[in-house]
N, C-alpha and C. Protein backbone atom coordinates (compact mmCIF):
# COMPACT_ATOMS: atom_id res chain seq x y z
N UNK A 1 0.85 -1.19 0.00
CA UNK A 1 0.00 0.00 0.00
C UNK A 1 0.89 1.24 0.00
N UNK A 2 0.46 2.25 -0.72
CA UNK A 2 1.22 3.50 -0.76
C UNK A 2 0.45 4.58 -0.01
N UNK A 3 1.14 5.64 0.32
CA UNK A 3 0.50 6.72 1.07
C UNK A 3 -0.52 7.45 0.19
N UNK A 4 -1.46 8.09 0.84
CA UNK A 4 -2.49 8.84 0.12
C UNK A 4 -1.85 9.96 -0.69
N UNK A 5 -0.85 10.61 -0.11
CA UNK A 5 -0.19 11.73 -0.80
C UNK A 5 0.50 11.25 -2.09
N UNK A 6 1.22 10.13 -1.99
CA UNK A 6 1.89 9.57 -3.18
C UNK A 6 0.86 9.11 -4.21
N UNK A 7 -0.18 8.46 -3.74
CA UNK A 7 -1.26 7.99 -4.62
C UNK A 7 -1.84 9.16 -5.43
N UNK A 8 -2.16 10.24 -4.75
CA UNK A 8 -2.72 11.42 -5.42
C UNK A 8 -1.72 12.05 -6.38
N UNK A 9 -0.45 12.09 -5.99
CA UNK A 9 0.58 12.67 -6.85
C UNK A 9 0.77 11.86 -8.13
N UNK A 10 0.76 10.55 -7.99
CA UNK A 10 0.91 9.70 -9.18
C UNK A 10 -0.30 9.83 -10.09
N UNK A 11 -1.49 9.88 -9.53
CA UNK A 11 -2.68 10.09 -10.36
C UNK A 11 -2.64 11.43 -11.07
N UNK A 12 -2.13 12.46 -10.39
CA UNK A 12 -1.99 13.78 -11.03
C UNK A 12 -0.98 13.70 -12.18
N UNK A 13 0.09 12.95 -11.98
CA UNK A 13 1.09 12.80 -13.04
C UNK A 13 0.52 12.03 -14.22
N UNK A 14 -0.28 11.02 -13.96
CA UNK A 14 -0.93 10.28 -15.05
C UNK A 14 -1.80 11.24 -15.86
N UNK A 15 -2.54 12.08 -15.18
CA UNK A 15 -3.37 13.06 -15.85
C UNK A 15 -2.52 13.99 -16.72
N UNK A 16 -1.39 14.45 -16.19
CA UNK A 16 -0.50 15.34 -16.94
C UNK A 16 0.08 14.63 -18.16
N UNK A 17 0.46 13.37 -18.00
CA UNK A 17 1.01 12.61 -19.12
C UNK A 17 -0.02 12.45 -20.23
N UNK A 18 -1.26 12.14 -19.87
CA UNK A 18 -2.30 11.96 -20.87
C UNK A 18 -2.70 13.28 -21.52
N UNK A 19 -2.68 14.36 -20.76
CA UNK A 19 -2.95 15.69 -21.31
C UNK A 19 -1.88 16.04 -22.33
N UNK A 20 -0.62 15.77 -21.97
CA UNK A 20 0.49 16.04 -22.89
C UNK A 20 0.37 15.18 -24.15
N UNK A 21 0.00 13.93 -23.97
CA UNK A 21 -0.17 13.05 -25.13
C UNK A 21 -1.22 13.62 -26.08
N UNK A 22 -2.33 14.06 -25.54
CA UNK A 22 -3.39 14.62 -26.37
C UNK A 22 -2.89 15.87 -27.10
N UNK A 23 -2.12 16.70 -26.42
CA UNK A 23 -1.58 17.91 -27.04
C UNK A 23 -0.64 17.55 -28.19
N UNK A 24 0.25 16.59 -27.96
CA UNK A 24 1.15 16.15 -29.04
C UNK A 24 0.37 15.58 -30.21
N UNK A 25 -0.68 14.83 -29.94
CA UNK A 25 -1.49 14.28 -31.03
C UNK A 25 -2.15 15.40 -31.83
N UNK A 26 -2.67 16.39 -31.14
CA UNK A 26 -3.29 17.53 -31.83
C UNK A 26 -2.26 18.26 -32.70
N UNK A 27 -1.06 18.46 -32.16
CA UNK A 27 -0.01 19.13 -32.93
C UNK A 27 0.41 18.28 -34.12
N UNK A 28 0.44 16.97 -33.94
CA UNK A 28 0.78 16.07 -35.04
C UNK A 28 -0.23 16.18 -36.17
N UNK A 29 -1.50 16.17 -35.82
CA UNK A 29 -2.54 16.26 -36.84
C UNK A 29 -2.51 17.62 -37.55
N UNK A 30 -2.22 18.66 -36.81
CA UNK A 30 -2.13 20.00 -37.41
C UNK A 30 -0.95 20.07 -38.37
N UNK A 31 0.20 19.55 -37.95
CA UNK A 31 1.37 19.55 -38.83
C UNK A 31 1.12 18.70 -40.07
N UNK A 32 0.46 17.57 -39.89
CA UNK A 32 0.13 16.70 -41.03
C UNK A 32 -0.76 17.44 -42.02
N UNK A 33 -1.75 18.14 -41.49
CA UNK A 33 -2.68 18.90 -42.32
C UNK A 33 -1.96 19.98 -43.12
N UNK A 34 -0.89 20.53 -42.55
CA UNK A 34 -0.13 21.60 -43.21
C UNK A 34 0.98 21.06 -44.11
N UNK A 35 1.10 19.73 -44.18
CA UNK A 35 2.07 19.12 -45.07
C UNK A 35 3.44 18.92 -44.47
N UNK A 36 3.59 19.11 -43.18
CA UNK A 36 4.87 18.92 -42.51
C UNK A 36 4.97 17.49 -41.98
N UNK A 37 5.19 16.57 -42.88
CA UNK A 37 5.14 15.14 -42.53
C UNK A 37 6.19 14.74 -41.49
N UNK A 38 7.40 15.26 -41.61
CA UNK A 38 8.45 14.92 -40.65
C UNK A 38 8.13 15.41 -39.25
N UNK A 39 7.68 16.65 -39.16
CA UNK A 39 7.31 17.23 -37.87
C UNK A 39 6.10 16.49 -37.30
N UNK A 40 5.15 16.17 -38.17
CA UNK A 40 3.96 15.44 -37.73
C UNK A 40 4.36 14.10 -37.14
N UNK A 41 5.30 13.42 -37.77
CA UNK A 41 5.75 12.13 -37.26
C UNK A 41 6.45 12.30 -35.92
N UNK A 42 7.28 13.33 -35.77
CA UNK A 42 7.98 13.56 -34.51
C UNK A 42 6.98 13.80 -33.38
N UNK A 43 5.97 14.64 -33.64
CA UNK A 43 4.94 14.88 -32.63
C UNK A 43 4.20 13.59 -32.29
N UNK A 44 3.96 12.75 -33.31
CA UNK A 44 3.25 11.50 -33.06
C UNK A 44 4.08 10.56 -32.19
N UNK A 45 5.38 10.52 -32.42
CA UNK A 45 6.27 9.71 -31.59
C UNK A 45 6.22 10.20 -30.14
N UNK A 46 6.19 11.52 -29.95
CA UNK A 46 6.11 12.08 -28.61
C UNK A 46 4.77 11.72 -27.95
N UNK A 47 3.72 11.74 -28.74
CA UNK A 47 2.39 11.34 -28.26
C UNK A 47 2.44 9.92 -27.69
N UNK A 48 3.04 9.00 -28.44
CA UNK A 48 3.13 7.61 -27.98
C UNK A 48 3.99 7.49 -26.72
N UNK A 49 5.05 8.29 -26.65
CA UNK A 49 5.93 8.25 -25.49
C UNK A 49 5.19 8.71 -24.23
N UNK A 50 4.40 9.76 -24.35
CA UNK A 50 3.63 10.24 -23.20
C UNK A 50 2.61 9.18 -22.77
N UNK A 51 2.00 8.51 -23.72
CA UNK A 51 1.07 7.43 -23.39
C UNK A 51 1.80 6.31 -22.63
N UNK A 52 3.00 6.01 -23.08
CA UNK A 52 3.79 4.97 -22.41
C UNK A 52 4.10 5.36 -20.97
N UNK A 53 4.45 6.63 -20.76
CA UNK A 53 4.73 7.10 -19.39
C UNK A 53 3.50 6.90 -18.51
N UNK A 54 2.34 7.29 -19.03
CA UNK A 54 1.10 7.15 -18.26
C UNK A 54 0.84 5.68 -17.94
N UNK A 55 1.06 4.82 -18.91
CA UNK A 55 0.80 3.39 -18.71
C UNK A 55 1.72 2.80 -17.65
N UNK A 56 2.98 3.20 -17.64
CA UNK A 56 3.92 2.73 -16.63
C UNK A 56 3.42 3.10 -15.23
N UNK A 57 2.98 4.34 -15.09
CA UNK A 57 2.46 4.79 -13.79
C UNK A 57 1.17 4.07 -13.42
N UNK A 58 0.31 3.84 -14.39
CA UNK A 58 -0.93 3.11 -14.13
C UNK A 58 -0.62 1.69 -13.67
N UNK A 59 0.32 1.04 -14.34
CA UNK A 59 0.71 -0.31 -13.94
C UNK A 59 1.28 -0.32 -12.52
N UNK A 60 2.06 0.70 -12.19
CA UNK A 60 2.61 0.79 -10.84
C UNK A 60 1.49 0.85 -9.80
N UNK A 61 0.52 1.73 -10.05
CA UNK A 61 -0.59 1.84 -9.09
C UNK A 61 -1.36 0.52 -8.99
N UNK A 62 -1.58 -0.13 -10.11
CA UNK A 62 -2.29 -1.41 -10.09
C UNK A 62 -1.55 -2.46 -9.28
N UNK A 63 -0.23 -2.47 -9.37
CA UNK A 63 0.54 -3.46 -8.59
C UNK A 63 0.51 -3.14 -7.10
N UNK A 64 0.20 -1.91 -6.76
CA UNK A 64 0.13 -1.51 -5.36
C UNK A 64 -1.32 -1.51 -4.86
N UNK A 65 -2.22 -2.05 -5.70
CA UNK A 65 -3.64 -2.13 -5.39
C UNK A 65 -4.22 -0.75 -5.06
N UNK A 66 -3.77 0.24 -5.83
CA UNK A 66 -4.27 1.62 -5.67
C UNK A 66 -5.09 1.97 -6.91
N UNK A 67 -6.13 2.71 -6.71
CA UNK A 67 -7.03 3.03 -7.82
C UNK A 67 -6.43 4.10 -8.73
N UNK A 68 -6.51 3.84 -10.03
CA UNK A 68 -6.06 4.83 -11.02
C UNK A 68 -7.19 5.80 -11.25
């Protein structure tokens, strides 16, 4: 079991990671629309990385039997 403070902090970080992922996805789609394929791909890679960060934290909470 983890402390309430740590639990809340990790959930806040998960939220930040997913918010960042959504922002990168939006920027990727905008760059794609403007014809900047390389930039669009870079933003998309960042989107996936932020999702991965969130998933790692979610898995951590699940292993500690803490609610995501």
